[in-house]
C-alpha atoms as a PDB file:
ATOM      1  CA  MET A   1       0.147   0.187  -0.108  1.00  0.00           C
ATOM      2  CA  VAL A   2       1.402   3.118  -1.265  1.00  0.00           C
ATOM      3  CA  PHE A   3       0.826   6.283   1.403  1.00  0.00           C
ATOM      4  CA  ASN A   4       0.470   9.694   0.524  1.00  0.00           C
ATOM      5  CA  LEU A   5       0.397  12.937   2.106  1.00  0.00           C
ATOM      6  CA  LYS A   6      -3.379  13.136   2.437  1.00  0.00           C
ATOM      7  CA  SER A   7      -3.474   9.630   4.015  1.00  0.00           C
ATOM      8  CA  LYS A   8      -0.587  10.172   6.585  1.00  0.00           C
ATOM      9  CA  PRO A   9      -2.733  11.808   9.706  1.00  0.00           C
ATOM     10  CA  ILE A  10      -5.387   9.288   9.377  1.00  0.00           C
ATOM     11  CA  VAL A  11      -2.092   6.875   9.974  1.00  0.00           C
ATOM     12  CA  ILE A  12      -1.338   8.687  12.586  1.00  0.00           C
ATOM     13  CA  SER A  13      -4.554   8.925  14.653  1.00  0.00           C
ATOM     14  CA  PHE A  14      -4.484   5.391  13.666  1.00  0.00           C
ATOM     15  CA  VAL A  15      -1.485   4.637  15.601  1.00  0.00           C
ATOM     16  CA  PHE A  16      -2.275   7.401  18.533  1.00  0.00           C
ATOM     17  CA  GLY A  17      -5.332   5.542  18.845  1.00  0.00           C
ATOM     18  CA  ALA A  18      -3.482   1.764  18.783  1.00  0.00           C
ATOM     19  CA  LEU A  19      -1.080   3.196  21.333  1.00  0.00           C
ATOM     20  CA  MET A  20      -3.462   4.063  24.013  1.00  0.00           C
ATOM     21  CA  LEU A  21      -5.814   1.539  23.546  1.00  0.00           C
ATOM     22  CA  VAL A  22      -2.743  -0.406  24.483  1.00  0.00           C
ATOM     23  CA  THR A  23      -1.761   1.864  27.196  1.00  0.00           C
ATOM     24  CA  GLY A  24      -4.938   2.134  28.749  1.00  0.00           C
ATOM     25  CA  LEU A  25      -5.884  -2.184  28.837  1.00  0.00           C
ATOM     26  CA  THR A  26      -1.917  -2.287  30.608  1.00  0.00           C
ATOM     27  CA  TYR A  27      -2.983   0.700  32.774  1.00  0.00           C
ATOM     28  CA  VAL A  28      -6.406  -1.365  33.520  1.00  0.00           C
ATOM     29  CA  GLY A  29      -4.242  -4.858  34.013  1.00  0.00           C
ATOM     30  CA  LEU A  30      -1.365  -3.988  36.939  1.00  0.00           C
ATOM     31  CA  LYS A  31      -3.949  -2.387  38.241  1.00  0.00           C
ATOM     32  CA  LEU A  32      -6.011  -5.636  38.662  1.00  0.00           C
ATOM     33  CA  MET A  33      -3.306  -7.686  39.244  1.00  0.00           C
ATOM     34  CA  SER A  34      -2.058  -4.920  42.377  1.00  0.00           C
ATOM     35  CA  LYS A  35      -4.977  -5.685  44.083  1.00  0.00           C
ATOM     36  CA  THR A  36      -4.954  -9.687  43.702  1.00  0.00           C
ATOM     37  CA  ASN A  37      -2.830 -11.389  45.321  1.00  0.00           C
ATOM     38  CA  LEU A  38      -1.041 -15.041  44.996  1.00  0.00           C
ATOM     39  CA  THR A  39      -4.189 -16.684  47.067  1.00  0.00           C
ATOM     40  CA  GLY A  40      -6.374 -15.556  44.559  1.00  0.00           C
ATOM     41  CA  ARG A  41      -8.435 -12.835  47.369  1.00  0.00           C
ATOM     42  CA  SER A  42      -8.685  -9.957  46.901  1.00  0.00           C
ATOM     43  CA  GLY A  43      -6.844  -7.466  48.550  1.00  0.00           C
ATOM     44  CA  GLN A  44      -4.854  -8.863  51.166  1.00  0.00           C
ATOM     45  CA  SER A  45      -1.590  -9.122  51.282  1.00  0.00           C
ATOM     46  CA  ALA A  46      -0.140 -13.124  51.222  1.00  0.00           C
ATOM     47  CA  THR A  47       0.952 -13.159  55.251  1.00  0.00           C
ATOM     48  CA  PRO A  48       1.214 -16.494  56.855  1.00  0.00           C
ATOM     49  CA  SER A  49      -1.838 -14.592  59.336  1.00  0.00           C
ATOM     50  CA  SER A  50      -3.795 -13.794  55.852  1.00  0.00           C
ATOM     51  CA  LEU A  51      -4.295 -17.444  55.249  1.00  0.00           C
ATOM     52  CA  VAL A  52      -6.000 -18.510  58.675  1.00  0.00           C
ATOM     53  CA  LYS A  53     -10.223 -18.414  57.889  1.00  0.00           C
ATOM     54  CA  THR A  54     -10.971 -15.717  59.614  1.00  0.00           C
ATOM     55  CA  GLU A  55     -13.163 -12.786  59.626  1.00  0.00           C
ATOM     56  CA  ALA A  56     -12.417  -8.323  60.012  1.00  0.00           C
ATOM     57  CA  GLY A  57     -13.516  -8.056  63.824  1.00  0.00           C
ATOM     58  CA  ASN A  58     -14.219 -11.500  64.684  1.00  0.00           C
ATOM     59  CA  PRO A  59     -13.440 -14.093  67.134  1.00  0.00           C
ATOM     60  CA  ARG A  60     -11.477 -17.298  65.535  1.00  0.00           C
ATOM     61  CA  ALA A  61     -11.920 -20.541  66.776  1.00  0.00           C
ATOM     62  CA  ILE A  62      -7.752 -21.795  67.583  1.00  0.00           C
ATOM     63  CA  VAL A  63      -9.427 -26.029  68.457  1.00  0.00           C
ATOM     64  CA  THR A  64     -12.685 -28.049  68.017  1.00  0.00           C
ATOM     65  CA  ASP A  65     -10.427 -31.250  69.953  1.00  0.00           C
ATOM     66  CA  PRO A  66      -8.098 -30.454  72.716  1.00  0.00           C
ATOM     67  CA  GLU A  67      -7.894 -33.984  73.271  1.00  0.00           C
ATOM     68  CA  LYS A  68      -6.194 -34.335  70.201  1.00  0.00           C
ATOM     69  CA  TYR A  69      -4.670 -30.708  69.450  1.00  0.00           C
ATOM     70  CA  SER A  70      -3.564 -30.202  72.853  1.00  0.00           C
ATOM     71  CA  LYS A  71       0.098 -29.265  71.760  1.00  0.00           C
ATOM     72  CA  GLU A  72      -1.158 -26.817  69.510  1.00  0.00           C
ATOM     73  CA  MET A  73      -4.054 -25.225  72.156  1.00  0.00           C
ATOM     74  CA  ALA A  74      -1.334 -25.010  74.618  1.00  0.00           C
ATOM     75  CA  ALA A  75       0.817 -22.727  72.405  1.00  0.00           C
ATOM     76  CA  ALA A  76      -1.908 -20.272  71.177  1.00  0.00           C
ATOM     77  CA  ALA A  77      -2.895 -19.939  74.734  1.00  0.00           C
ATOM     78  CA  LYS A  78       1.135 -18.460  75.290  1.00  0.00           C
ATOM     79  CA  SER A  79       1.280 -16.483  71.690  1.00  0.00           C
ATOM     80  CA  ALA A  80      -2.036 -14.676  71.693  1.00  0.00           C
ATOM     81  CA  ALA A  81      -3.673 -14.673  75.512  1.00  0.00           C
ATOM     82  CA  PRO A  82      -1.388 -13.758  77.775  1.00  0.00           C
ATOM     83  CA  SER A  83      -4.379 -13.672  80.326  1.00  0.00           C
ATOM     84  CA  THR A  84      -5.119 -17.372  82.047  1.00  0.00           C
ATOM     85  CA  PRO A  85      -7.955 -18.979  79.407  1.00  0.00           C
ATOM     86  CA  VAL A  86     -11.254 -18.760  81.177  1.00  0.00           C
ATOM     87  CA  GLN A  87     -12.949 -22.316  81.393  1.00  0.00           C
ATOM     88  CA  VAL A  88     -17.098 -21.922  80.605  1.00  0.00           C
ATOM     89  CA  LYS A  89     -19.060 -25.075  82.291  1.00  0.00           C
ATOM     90  CA  ILE A  90     -21.882 -26.102  80.303  1.00  0.00           C
ATOM     91  CA  SER A  91     -24.631 -28.466  81.744  1.00  0.00           C
ATOM     92  CA  SER A  92     -28.089 -28.593  81.573  1.00  0.00           C
ATOM     93  CA  ALA A  93     -28.338 -25.965  83.880  1.00  0.00           C
ATOM     94  CA  GLY A  94     -26.629 -23.258  81.190  1.00  0.00           C
ATOM     95  CA  PHE A  95     -23.256 -21.724  80.829  1.00  0.00           C
ATOM     96  CA  VAL A  96     -21.432 -21.802  84.114  1.00  0.00           C
ATOM     97  CA  PRO A  97     -20.999 -18.636  84.757  1.00  0.00           C
ATOM     98  CA  ALA A  98     -22.720 -16.927  82.253  1.00  0.00           C
ATOM     99  CA  GLU A  99     -21.660 -13.892  81.310  1.00  0.00           C
ATOM    100  CA  VAL A 100     -17.829 -12.823  81.077  1.00  0.00           C
ATOM    101  CA  THR A 101     -15.670 -10.537  80.985  1.00  0.00           C
ATOM    102  CA  VAL A 102     -11.884 -10.679  79.838  1.00  0.00           C
ATOM    103  CA  LYS A 103      -9.265  -8.383  78.053  1.00  0.00           C
ATOM    104  CA  ALA A 104      -7.753  -8.885  74.038  1.00  0.00           C
ATOM    105  CA  PRO A 105      -6.963 -10.993  73.457  1.00  0.00           C
ATOM    106  CA  ASN A 106      -7.770 -14.481  75.779  1.00  0.00           C
ATOM    107  CA  ILE A 107      -9.271 -17.150  74.802  1.00  0.00           C
ATOM    108  CA  ILE A 108     -12.126 -18.907  76.338  1.00  0.00           C
ATOM    109  CA  THR A 109     -12.631 -22.758  76.752  1.00  0.00           C
ATOM    110  CA  PHE A 110     -16.130 -24.721  76.720  1.00  0.00           C
ATOM    111  CA  LYS A 111     -16.406 -27.244  78.603  1.00  0.00           C
ATOM    112  CA  ASN A 112     -19.485 -30.119  78.126  1.00  0.00           C
ATOM    113  CA  MET A 113     -19.931 -31.214  81.913  1.00  0.00           C
ATOM    114  CA  ASP A 114     -23.167 -32.656  80.692  1.00  0.00           C
ATOM    115  CA  GLU A 115     -23.671 -36.516  79.833  1.00  0.00           C
ATOM    116  CA  VAL A 116     -26.604 -35.119  76.776  1.00  0.00           C
ATOM    117  CA  ASN A 117     -24.749 -33.684  73.320  1.00  0.00           C
ATOM    118  CA  HIS A 118     -24.239 -29.707  74.000  1.00  0.00           C
ATOM    119  CA  SER A 119     -23.056 -27.249  71.591  1.00  0.00           C
ATOM    120  CA  VAL A 120     -21.597 -23.115  71.168  1.00  0.00           C
ATOM    121  CA  LYS A 121     -22.421 -21.228  68.735  1.00  0.00           C
ATOM    122  CA  GLY A 122     -22.620 -16.545  68.143  1.00  0.00           C
ATOM    123  CA  THR A 123     -25.480 -15.150  67.661  1.00  0.00           C
ATOM    124  CA  SER A 124     -23.849 -13.368  64.539  1.00  0.00           C
ATOM    125  CA  GLY A 125     -23.336 -17.235  63.446  1.00  0.00           C
ATOM    126  CA  LYS A 126     -19.290 -15.882  62.702  1.00  0.00           C
ATOM    127  CA  TRP A 127     -17.830 -18.600  65.326  1.00  0.00           C
ATOM    128  CA  GLY A 128     -19.093 -21.115  67.120  1.00  0.00           C
ATOM    129  CA  SER A 129     -17.700 -24.955  67.931  1.00  0.00           C
ATOM    130  CA  LEU A 130     -17.753 -27.072  64.457  1.00  0.00           C
ATOM    131  CA  LYS A 131     -19.262 -30.232  65.680  1.00  0.00           C
ATOM    132  CA  ASP A 132     -21.585 -30.918  68.751  1.00  0.00           C
ATOM    133  CA  LEU A 133     -19.588 -31.928  72.235  1.00  0.00           C
ATOM    134  CA  GLU A 134     -19.592 -34.959  73.425  1.00  0.00           C
ATOM    135  CA  PRO A 135     -19.548 -35.746  77.357  1.00  0.00           C
ATOM    136  CA  ASN A 136     -16.310 -33.964  78.287  1.00  0.00           C
ATOM    137  CA  GLU A 137     -15.136 -32.832  75.649  1.00  0.00           C
ATOM    138  CA  SER A 138     -14.508 -29.089  74.627  1.00  0.00           C
ATOM    139  CA  TYR A 139     -14.037 -26.096  72.272  1.00  0.00           C
ATOM    140  CA  SER A 140     -12.072 -23.054  72.450  1.00  0.00           C
ATOM    141  CA  GLN A 141     -12.041 -19.443  70.778  1.00  0.00           C
ATOM    142  CA  GLN A 142     -10.360 -17.012  70.468  1.00  0.00           C
ATOM    143  CA  PHE A 143     -11.432 -13.446  71.615  1.00  0.00           C
ATOM    144  CA  ASP A 144      -8.580 -10.582  69.809  1.00  0.00           C
ATOM    145  CA  VAL A 145     -11.302  -8.456  69.297  1.00  0.00           C
ATOM    146  CA  ALA A 146     -13.481  -5.690  72.069  1.00  0.00           C
ATOM    147  CA  GLY A 147     -16.873  -6.112  72.121  1.00  0.00           C
ATOM    148  CA  THR A 148     -19.943  -8.129  73.399  1.00  0.00           C
ATOM    149  CA  TYR A 149     -20.371 -11.955  72.012  1.00  0.00           C
ATOM    150  CA  GLU A 150     -23.888 -13.659  72.714  1.00  0.00           C
ATOM    151  CA  TYR A 151     -24.123 -17.338  72.439  1.00  0.00           C
ATOM    152  CA  SER A 152     -26.443 -19.961  72.924  1.00  0.00           C
ATOM    153  CA  ASP A 153     -26.548 -23.674  72.508  1.00  0.00           C
ATOM    154  CA  PRO A 154     -28.742 -24.563  69.206  1.00  0.00           C
ATOM    155  CA  LEU A 155     -29.398 -27.811  70.389  1.00  0.00           C
ATOM    156  CA  ASN A 156     -30.620 -26.680  74.054  1.00  0.00           C
ATOM    157  CA  PRO A 157     -31.900 -22.301  72.276  1.00  0.00           C
ATOM    158  CA  THR A 158     -32.434 -21.633  76.172  1.00  0.00           C
ATOM    159  CA  LEU A 159     -29.172 -22.002  77.275  1.00  0.00           C
ATOM    160  CA  LYS A 160     -27.525 -18.437  76.754  1.00  0.00           C
ATOM    161  CA  GLY A 161     -24.794 -16.652  77.623  1.00  0.00           C
ATOM    162  CA  LYS A 162     -22.006 -13.290  76.344  1.00  0.00           C
ATOM    163  CA  ILE A 163     -18.695 -12.863  77.102  1.00  0.00           C
ATOM    164  CA  ILE A 164     -17.087  -9.093  77.101  1.00  0.00           C
ATOM    165  CA  VAL A 165     -14.551  -9.089  75.308  1.00  0.00           C
ATOM    166  CA  GLU A 166     -12.260  -5.541  76.822  1.00  0.00           C
END
């Protein structure tokens, strides 16, 4: 194809437009890549703490079966909660104590002292035991963020409690 002076402005406009399009697509691609890390989650860095499945502002579960994970629980209690871990007993009469006040971070251990299964679920639905607790079984929950956390036993909804984290 032979170009003459009359077609030169069209060619220059076409090249300039193509250059702008490539630049814009590159910018958008880089912007999207900077928001997504290797774990595929948007806006989070790939640090060990981000690999733990937690929600900001919510407590995180440490263990659901302390007999199986006793070493991990002890290590987590030492490193994460300088305060003495608190135990809440579960019986047919309810949670004892029904209301607990702790300083963050702290670990609360719920121990089923009854002869039937019980469970622990936060009323928000964002925390709680992953399975029913059989007699003498325990469940531990770490509370990192100040706030009031109400909970109940889904197997017996009349059993309720409250944790106040300062």
